[in-house]
Amino acid sequence: MLTDLHKQLLNDFQRDFPLSPTPYRDIADTLGATETDVLAALAELTGQQFISRIGAVIPPNQIGASMLVAMAVPEAELQTVADQISAFPEVNHNYEREHRFNLWFVAVAASAQQLQAVIGRIEQQTGYAALQLPLVDDFFIDLGFKLDWQHA
């Protein structure tokens, strides 16, 4: 069951997260709650898988280096290889696509050299070649949306 605080956190802080030394206190002050209440509510939302992370969205290659990577993996090995890739802290997500190149992921590192080293380790560990797809055109998709609590 979502409380009013849960709903406010989900709706009101998808963007424009406070950039301060005390962001959760700032949110609490805005919502008329305590910092402890906000932190507990966010932990509950995470535990219930309403949110997966709280963090900045930084455009690709503005800080460090990133790469979209695709692999052609036999269906029988897809989950095993996806799990191996997900274990790398430099990989922020991976997903299956209906294509010969059926496993895609985004890798991020502090530098282009480190990124190449990570992709090389992924290839070595999985046994599959990585098709590297560097950013050519940047498209921003705003994933924030207002939730309709009347029909929830």
N, C-alpha and C. Protein backbone atom coordinates (compact mmCIF):
# COMPACT_ATOMS: atom_id res chain seq x y z
N MET A 1 0.85 -1.19 0.00
CA MET A 1 0.00 0.00 0.00
C MET A 1 0.89 1.24 0.00
N LEU A 2 0.65 2.12 -0.94
CA LEU A 2 1.43 3.34 -1.03
C LEU A 2 0.82 4.43 -0.15
N THR A 3 1.68 5.06 0.62
CA THR A 3 1.25 6.19 1.44
C THR A 3 1.30 7.47 0.62
N ASP A 4 0.77 8.55 1.18
CA ASP A 4 0.86 9.84 0.50
C ASP A 4 2.32 10.24 0.29
N LEU A 5 3.17 9.94 1.28
CA LEU A 5 4.60 10.27 1.16
C LEU A 5 5.22 9.48 0.00
N HIS A 6 4.91 8.20 -0.10
CA HIS A 6 5.41 7.40 -1.23
C HIS A 6 5.01 8.04 -2.56
N LYS A 7 3.75 8.39 -2.67
CA LYS A 7 3.24 8.96 -3.92
C LYS A 7 3.92 10.29 -4.25
N GLN A 8 4.11 11.12 -3.23
CA GLN A 8 4.79 12.41 -3.47
C GLN A 8 6.23 12.18 -3.91
N LEU A 9 6.92 11.26 -3.29
CA LEU A 9 8.30 10.98 -3.68
C LEU A 9 8.36 10.47 -5.12
N LEU A 10 7.46 9.57 -5.47
CA LEU A 10 7.45 9.03 -6.83
C LEU A 10 7.10 10.08 -7.88
N ASN A 11 6.21 10.98 -7.57
CA ASN A 11 5.77 11.99 -8.54
C ASN A 11 6.66 13.22 -8.59
N ASP A 12 7.04 13.73 -7.44
CA ASP A 12 7.61 15.07 -7.38
C ASP A 12 9.13 15.13 -7.53
N PHE A 13 9.81 13.99 -7.46
CA PHE A 13 11.28 14.05 -7.47
C PHE A 13 11.89 13.16 -8.54
N GLN A 14 11.17 12.97 -9.65
CA GLN A 14 11.72 12.23 -10.79
C GLN A 14 12.79 13.07 -11.49
N ARG A 15 12.70 14.36 -11.35
CA ARG A 15 13.71 15.28 -11.90
C ARG A 15 13.86 16.43 -10.91
N ASP A 16 14.85 17.25 -11.12
CA ASP A 16 15.12 18.39 -10.22
C ASP A 16 15.38 17.95 -8.78
N PHE A 17 16.09 16.84 -8.64
CA PHE A 17 16.48 16.37 -7.31
C PHE A 17 17.37 17.43 -6.68
N PRO A 18 17.19 17.73 -5.41
CA PRO A 18 17.97 18.80 -4.78
C PRO A 18 19.48 18.52 -4.85
N LEU A 19 20.21 19.48 -5.33
CA LEU A 19 21.67 19.38 -5.38
C LEU A 19 22.23 20.16 -4.21
N SER A 20 22.35 19.47 -3.10
CA SER A 20 22.84 20.10 -1.88
C SER A 20 23.50 19.03 -1.02
N PRO A 21 24.20 19.43 0.02
CA PRO A 21 24.80 18.44 0.93
C PRO A 21 23.74 17.64 1.70
N THR A 22 22.49 18.15 1.73
CA THR A 22 21.43 17.47 2.50
C THR A 22 20.17 17.31 1.64
N PRO A 23 20.25 16.58 0.53
CA PRO A 23 19.09 16.51 -0.37
C PRO A 23 17.86 15.87 0.26
N TYR A 24 18.04 14.86 1.09
CA TYR A 24 16.88 14.19 1.68
C TYR A 24 16.21 15.06 2.74
N ARG A 25 16.99 15.87 3.44
CA ARG A 25 16.41 16.83 4.38
C ARG A 25 15.66 17.91 3.60
N ASP A 26 16.22 18.34 2.47
CA ASP A 26 15.55 19.33 1.64
C ASP A 26 14.21 18.80 1.13
N ILE A 27 14.19 17.54 0.70
CA ILE A 27 12.94 16.92 0.25
C ILE A 27 11.96 16.86 1.41
N ALA A 28 12.44 16.45 2.57
CA ALA A 28 11.57 16.36 3.75
C ALA A 28 10.96 17.72 4.07
N ASP A 29 11.78 18.76 4.04
CA ASP A 29 11.27 20.10 4.33
C ASP A 29 10.19 20.51 3.32
N THR A 30 10.41 20.18 2.05
CA THR A 30 9.44 20.50 1.00
C THR A 30 8.11 19.79 1.24
N LEU A 31 8.20 18.54 1.70
CA LEU A 31 7.00 17.72 1.86
C LEU A 31 6.39 17.77 3.27
N GLY A 32 7.02 18.49 4.17
CA GLY A 32 6.52 18.55 5.53
C GLY A 32 6.70 17.24 6.29
N ALA A 33 7.81 16.58 6.01
CA ALA A 33 8.13 15.30 6.66
C ALA A 33 9.49 15.42 7.32
N THR A 34 9.95 14.34 7.92
CA THR A 34 11.30 14.33 8.47
C THR A 34 12.23 13.62 7.49
N GLU A 35 13.51 13.91 7.62
CA GLU A 35 14.49 13.24 6.78
C GLU A 35 14.44 11.72 7.00
N THR A 36 14.25 11.30 8.23
CA THR A 36 14.15 9.88 8.55
C THR A 36 12.95 9.25 7.83
N ASP A 37 11.82 9.95 7.80
CA ASP A 37 10.63 9.45 7.11
C ASP A 37 10.89 9.31 5.61
N VAL A 38 11.56 10.29 5.02
CA VAL A 38 11.86 10.25 3.58
C VAL A 38 12.78 9.08 3.27
N LEU A 39 13.85 8.91 4.07
CA LEU A 39 14.77 7.80 3.83
C LEU A 39 14.09 6.45 4.00
N ALA A 40 13.22 6.33 4.99
CA ALA A 40 12.50 5.07 5.21
C ALA A 40 11.54 4.79 4.05
N ALA A 41 10.86 5.83 3.58
CA ALA A 41 9.92 5.66 2.46
C ALA A 41 10.66 5.26 1.19
N LEU A 42 11.81 5.86 0.94
CA LEU A 42 12.60 5.49 -0.24
C LEU A 42 13.11 4.06 -0.12
N ALA A 43 13.49 3.64 1.06
CA ALA A 43 13.92 2.26 1.27
C ALA A 43 12.76 1.30 1.02
N GLU A 44 11.57 1.67 1.47
CA GLU A 44 10.39 0.83 1.22
C GLU A 44 10.08 0.74 -0.27
N LEU A 45 10.15 1.87 -0.98
CA LEU A 45 9.89 1.88 -2.42
C LEU A 45 10.92 1.04 -3.17
N THR A 46 12.15 1.08 -2.72
CA THR A 46 13.20 0.27 -3.33
C THR A 46 12.93 -1.21 -3.05
N GLY A 47 12.60 -1.53 -1.81
CA GLY A 47 12.32 -2.90 -1.43
C GLY A 47 11.14 -3.50 -2.18
N GLN A 48 10.16 -2.67 -2.47
CA GLN A 48 8.97 -3.11 -3.21
C GLN A 48 9.16 -3.00 -4.72
N GLN A 49 10.35 -2.61 -5.16
CA GLN A 49 10.73 -2.49 -6.56
C GLN A 49 9.92 -1.44 -7.33
N PHE A 50 9.49 -0.39 -6.62
CA PHE A 50 8.88 0.74 -7.30
C PHE A 50 9.98 1.62 -7.90
N ILE A 51 11.14 1.65 -7.25
CA ILE A 51 12.30 2.37 -7.79
C ILE A 51 13.50 1.44 -7.73
N SER A 52 14.41 1.61 -8.67
CA SER A 52 15.60 0.77 -8.69
C SER A 52 16.86 1.54 -8.33
N ARG A 53 16.83 2.83 -8.52
CA ARG A 53 18.00 3.63 -8.16
C ARG A 53 17.61 5.09 -8.00
N ILE A 54 18.44 5.80 -7.25
CA ILE A 54 18.34 7.25 -7.15
C ILE A 54 19.70 7.76 -7.54
N GLY A 55 19.75 8.55 -8.60
CA GLY A 55 21.03 9.05 -9.04
C GLY A 55 20.88 9.96 -10.24
N ALA A 56 21.96 10.58 -10.57
CA ALA A 56 21.99 11.52 -11.69
C ALA A 56 21.92 10.80 -13.02
N VAL A 57 21.31 11.45 -13.99
CA VAL A 57 21.34 11.00 -15.37
C VAL A 57 22.29 11.95 -16.10
N ILE A 58 23.42 11.41 -16.49
CA ILE A 58 24.46 12.24 -17.12
C ILE A 58 24.52 11.88 -18.59
N PRO A 59 24.51 12.86 -19.47
CA PRO A 59 24.58 12.56 -20.90
C PRO A 59 25.82 11.70 -21.22
N PRO A 60 25.69 10.80 -22.18
CA PRO A 60 26.80 9.91 -22.52
C PRO A 60 28.07 10.69 -22.86
N ASN A 61 29.19 10.16 -22.37
CA ASN A 61 30.53 10.66 -22.66
C ASN A 61 30.80 12.08 -22.16
N GLN A 62 29.96 12.60 -21.27
CA GLN A 62 30.23 13.90 -20.66
C GLN A 62 31.20 13.75 -19.49
N ILE A 63 31.07 12.65 -18.79
CA ILE A 63 31.99 12.29 -17.71
C ILE A 63 32.42 10.86 -18.00
N GLY A 64 33.68 10.66 -18.28
CA GLY A 64 34.14 9.32 -18.62
C GLY A 64 33.77 8.95 -20.04
N ALA A 65 33.66 7.65 -20.27
CA ALA A 65 33.36 7.14 -21.60
C ALA A 65 32.31 6.06 -21.49
N SER A 66 31.43 5.99 -22.50
CA SER A 66 30.41 4.96 -22.49
C SER A 66 30.27 4.38 -23.89
N MET A 67 29.67 3.18 -23.94
CA MET A 67 29.52 2.50 -25.22
C MET A 67 28.31 1.58 -25.16
N LEU A 68 27.51 1.61 -26.21
CA LEU A 68 26.47 0.62 -26.42
C LEU A 68 27.14 -0.58 -27.08
N VAL A 69 26.87 -1.76 -26.55
CA VAL A 69 27.53 -2.97 -27.03
C VAL A 69 26.47 -4.02 -27.31
N ALA A 70 26.67 -4.79 -28.39
CA ALA A 70 25.76 -5.88 -28.73
C ALA A 70 26.56 -7.17 -28.89
N MET A 71 25.93 -8.28 -28.53
CA MET A 71 26.54 -9.60 -28.68
C MET A 71 25.53 -10.56 -29.28
N ALA A 72 26.03 -11.49 -30.06
CA ALA A 72 25.21 -12.58 -30.59
C ALA A 72 25.48 -13.79 -29.70
N VAL A 73 24.47 -14.17 -28.91
CA VAL A 73 24.63 -15.23 -27.92
C VAL A 73 23.57 -16.30 -28.18
N PRO A 74 23.95 -17.57 -28.22
CA PRO A 74 22.93 -18.62 -28.39
C PRO A 74 21.88 -18.53 -27.28
N GLU A 75 20.64 -18.75 -27.66
CA GLU A 75 19.51 -18.62 -26.72
C GLU A 75 19.73 -19.41 -25.44
N ALA A 76 20.29 -20.59 -25.55
CA ALA A 76 20.49 -21.45 -24.37
C ALA A 76 21.47 -20.85 -23.37
N GLU A 77 22.34 -19.95 -23.82
CA GLU A 77 23.35 -19.35 -22.95
C GLU A 77 23.03 -17.90 -22.59
N LEU A 78 21.93 -17.39 -23.10
CA LEU A 78 21.63 -15.97 -22.96
C LEU A 78 21.58 -15.51 -21.51
N GLN A 79 20.86 -16.20 -20.65
CA GLN A 79 20.74 -15.78 -19.25
C GLN A 79 22.09 -15.85 -18.54
N THR A 80 22.85 -16.91 -18.79
CA THR A 80 24.16 -17.04 -18.15
C THR A 80 25.08 -15.90 -18.54
N VAL A 81 25.12 -15.59 -19.83
CA VAL A 81 25.98 -14.51 -20.32
C VAL A 81 25.48 -13.16 -19.81
N ALA A 82 24.17 -12.95 -19.79
CA ALA A 82 23.61 -11.69 -19.27
C ALA A 82 23.99 -11.51 -17.80
N ASP A 83 23.94 -12.60 -17.03
CA ASP A 83 24.33 -12.52 -15.62
C ASP A 83 25.81 -12.20 -15.47
N GLN A 84 26.65 -12.78 -16.33
CA GLN A 84 28.09 -12.48 -16.29
C GLN A 84 28.32 -11.00 -16.57
N ILE A 85 27.65 -10.48 -17.58
CA ILE A 85 27.81 -9.08 -17.96
C ILE A 85 27.31 -8.16 -16.85
N SER A 86 26.17 -8.50 -16.26
CA SER A 86 25.60 -7.67 -15.19
C SER A 86 26.50 -7.61 -13.96
N ALA A 87 27.36 -8.59 -13.79
CA ALA A 87 28.26 -8.61 -12.63
C ALA A 87 29.36 -7.56 -12.74
N PHE A 88 29.58 -7.01 -13.91
CA PHE A 88 30.58 -5.96 -14.08
C PHE A 88 30.00 -4.64 -13.58
N PRO A 89 30.66 -3.97 -12.63
CA PRO A 89 30.11 -2.71 -12.12
C PRO A 89 30.04 -1.62 -13.18
N GLU A 90 30.78 -1.76 -14.26
CA GLU A 90 30.76 -0.75 -15.33
C GLU A 90 29.54 -0.89 -16.24
N VAL A 91 28.79 -1.97 -16.10
CA VAL A 91 27.60 -2.20 -16.92
C VAL A 91 26.38 -1.71 -16.14
N ASN A 92 25.68 -0.71 -16.72
CA ASN A 92 24.53 -0.18 -15.97
C ASN A 92 23.23 -0.87 -16.32
N HIS A 93 23.13 -1.55 -17.43
CA HIS A 93 21.97 -2.38 -17.74
C HIS A 93 22.26 -3.21 -18.98
N ASN A 94 21.53 -4.33 -19.10
CA ASN A 94 21.58 -5.09 -20.34
C ASN A 94 20.18 -5.59 -20.64
N TYR A 95 19.96 -5.94 -21.90
CA TYR A 95 18.62 -6.37 -22.29
C TYR A 95 18.69 -7.24 -23.53
N GLU A 96 17.65 -8.04 -23.70
CA GLU A 96 17.54 -8.93 -24.85
C GLU A 96 16.79 -8.22 -25.97
N ARG A 97 17.25 -8.46 -27.20
CA ARG A 97 16.57 -7.94 -28.38
C ARG A 97 16.33 -9.08 -29.35
N GLU A 98 15.30 -8.95 -30.16
CA GLU A 98 14.99 -9.95 -31.17
C GLU A 98 15.79 -9.64 -32.43
N HIS A 99 16.98 -10.18 -32.49
CA HIS A 99 17.91 -9.92 -33.60
C HIS A 99 19.02 -10.93 -33.47
N ARG A 100 19.81 -11.08 -34.52
CA ARG A 100 20.99 -11.94 -34.41
C ARG A 100 21.87 -11.46 -33.25
N PHE A 101 22.04 -10.15 -33.14
CA PHE A 101 22.70 -9.57 -31.96
C PHE A 101 21.61 -9.40 -30.91
N ASN A 102 21.49 -10.38 -30.03
CA ASN A 102 20.33 -10.46 -29.15
C ASN A 102 20.57 -9.99 -27.71
N LEU A 103 21.81 -9.70 -27.35
CA LEU A 103 22.11 -9.21 -26.00
C LEU A 103 22.82 -7.87 -26.13
N TRP A 104 22.21 -6.83 -25.57
CA TRP A 104 22.73 -5.48 -25.67
C TRP A 104 22.99 -4.95 -24.27
N PHE A 105 24.02 -4.12 -24.14
CA PHE A 105 24.29 -3.51 -22.84
C PHE A 105 25.04 -2.20 -23.03
N VAL A 106 25.00 -1.38 -21.98
CA VAL A 106 25.73 -0.12 -21.95
C VAL A 106 26.82 -0.25 -20.89
N ALA A 107 28.04 0.06 -21.28
CA ALA A 107 29.18 0.03 -20.35
C ALA A 107 29.73 1.45 -20.21
N VAL A 108 30.15 1.77 -19.00
CA VAL A 108 30.66 3.11 -18.68
C VAL A 108 31.95 2.94 -17.89
N ALA A 109 32.95 3.76 -18.19
CA ALA A 109 34.22 3.73 -17.46
C ALA A 109 34.78 5.14 -17.38
N ALA A 110 35.81 5.30 -16.58
CA ALA A 110 36.40 6.63 -16.36
C ALA A 110 37.09 7.18 -17.61
N SER A 111 37.58 6.30 -18.48
CA SER A 111 38.27 6.75 -19.69
C SER A 111 38.00 5.76 -20.81
N ALA A 112 38.31 6.19 -22.03
CA ALA A 112 38.15 5.30 -23.18
C ALA A 112 39.03 4.06 -23.06
N GLN A 113 40.23 4.23 -22.50
CA GLN A 113 41.12 3.08 -22.33
C GLN A 113 40.54 2.08 -21.34
N GLN A 114 40.02 2.57 -20.23
CA GLN A 114 39.40 1.68 -19.24
C GLN A 114 38.17 1.00 -19.82
N LEU A 115 37.41 1.72 -20.61
CA LEU A 115 36.23 1.14 -21.24
C LEU A 115 36.61 -0.01 -22.16
N GLN A 116 37.65 0.19 -22.96
CA GLN A 116 38.10 -0.89 -23.86
C GLN A 116 38.59 -2.09 -23.06
N ALA A 117 39.24 -1.84 -21.95
CA ALA A 117 39.72 -2.94 -21.10
C ALA A 117 38.54 -3.73 -20.53
N VAL A 118 37.49 -3.03 -20.11
CA VAL A 118 36.30 -3.69 -19.56
C VAL A 118 35.62 -4.54 -20.64
N ILE A 119 35.45 -3.96 -21.81
CA ILE A 119 34.81 -4.71 -22.90
C ILE A 119 35.66 -5.92 -23.27
N GLY A 120 36.98 -5.78 -23.25
CA GLY A 120 37.86 -6.91 -23.50
C GLY A 120 37.70 -8.01 -22.46
N ARG A 121 37.58 -7.62 -21.18
CA ARG A 121 37.37 -8.62 -20.12
C ARG A 121 36.01 -9.31 -20.28
N ILE A 122 35.00 -8.56 -20.69
CA ILE A 122 33.68 -9.15 -20.91
C ILE A 122 33.77 -10.17 -22.05
N GLU A 123 34.44 -9.82 -23.14
CA GLU A 123 34.60 -10.76 -24.25
C GLU A 123 35.35 -12.01 -23.81
N GLN A 124 36.41 -11.82 -23.04
CA GLN A 124 37.20 -12.95 -22.58
C GLN A 124 36.40 -13.85 -21.65
N GLN A 125 35.67 -13.26 -20.72
CA GLN A 125 34.90 -14.04 -19.75
C GLN A 125 33.73 -14.78 -20.40
N THR A 126 33.03 -14.11 -21.33
CA THR A 126 31.85 -14.73 -21.93
C THR A 126 32.19 -15.62 -23.12
N GLY A 127 33.30 -15.32 -23.77
CA GLY A 127 33.66 -16.08 -24.97
C GLY A 127 32.97 -15.57 -26.23
N TYR A 128 32.33 -14.40 -26.15
CA TYR A 128 31.63 -13.85 -27.31
C TYR A 128 32.18 -12.48 -27.66
N ALA A 129 32.24 -12.22 -28.98
CA ALA A 129 32.74 -10.95 -29.48
C ALA A 129 31.71 -9.85 -29.20
N ALA A 130 32.21 -8.67 -28.92
CA ALA A 130 31.37 -7.51 -28.64
C ALA A 130 31.36 -6.58 -29.85
N LEU A 131 30.19 -6.29 -30.35
CA LEU A 131 30.02 -5.30 -31.40
C LEU A 131 29.84 -3.96 -30.70
N GLN A 132 30.81 -3.06 -30.86
CA GLN A 132 30.78 -1.77 -30.18
C GLN A 132 30.09 -0.74 -31.07
N LEU A 133 29.12 -0.06 -30.49
CA LEU A 133 28.31 0.91 -31.22
C LEU A 133 28.47 2.29 -30.58
N PRO A 134 29.48 3.06 -31.01
CA PRO A 134 29.71 4.37 -30.41
C PRO A 134 28.57 5.34 -30.72
N LEU A 135 28.38 6.29 -29.82
CA LEU A 135 27.34 7.30 -29.97
C LEU A 135 27.66 8.19 -31.17
N VAL A 136 26.70 8.29 -32.08
CA VAL A 136 26.84 9.17 -33.24
C VAL A 136 25.93 10.38 -33.06
N ASP A 137 24.66 10.12 -32.79
CA ASP A 137 23.68 11.18 -32.52
C ASP A 137 23.10 10.95 -31.13
N ASP A 138 22.98 12.01 -30.38
CA ASP A 138 22.47 11.94 -29.02
C ASP A 138 20.97 12.23 -29.02
N PHE A 139 20.19 11.30 -28.48
CA PHE A 139 18.75 11.49 -28.33
C PHE A 139 18.42 11.39 -26.85
N PHE A 140 17.75 12.41 -26.33
CA PHE A 140 17.37 12.39 -24.92
C PHE A 140 15.92 11.99 -24.82
N ILE A 141 15.66 10.96 -24.05
CA ILE A 141 14.30 10.51 -23.81
C ILE A 141 14.00 10.77 -22.33
N ASP A 142 13.07 11.66 -22.06
CA ASP A 142 12.69 11.97 -20.69
C ASP A 142 11.77 10.86 -20.19
N LEU A 143 12.25 10.09 -19.24
CA LEU A 143 11.48 8.97 -18.73
C LEU A 143 10.62 9.34 -17.52
N GLY A 144 10.60 10.61 -17.18
CA GLY A 144 9.75 11.04 -16.08
C GLY A 144 8.31 11.17 -16.54
N PHE A 145 7.38 10.84 -15.67
CA PHE A 145 5.97 10.95 -16.01
C PHE A 145 5.14 11.13 -14.75
N LYS A 146 4.02 11.82 -14.90
CA LYS A 146 3.11 12.03 -13.76
C LYS A 146 2.28 10.77 -13.58
N LEU A 147 2.27 10.29 -12.37
CA LEU A 147 1.50 9.09 -12.06
C LEU A 147 0.06 9.46 -11.75
N ASP A 148 -0.87 8.69 -12.25
CA ASP A 148 -2.30 8.92 -12.02
C ASP A 148 -2.77 8.03 -10.89
N TRP A 149 -2.87 8.62 -9.69
CA TRP A 149 -3.23 7.83 -8.51
C TRP A 149 -4.72 7.55 -8.43
N GLN A 150 -5.53 8.20 -9.27
CA GLN A 150 -6.97 7.97 -9.25
C GLN A 150 -7.33 6.58 -9.79
N HIS A 151 -6.50 6.06 -10.67
CA HIS A 151 -6.78 4.77 -11.31
C HIS A 151 -5.81 3.69 -10.87
N ALA A 152 -5.08 3.93 -9.78
CA ALA A 152 -4.09 2.96 -9.33
C ALA A 152 -4.72 1.91 -8.44
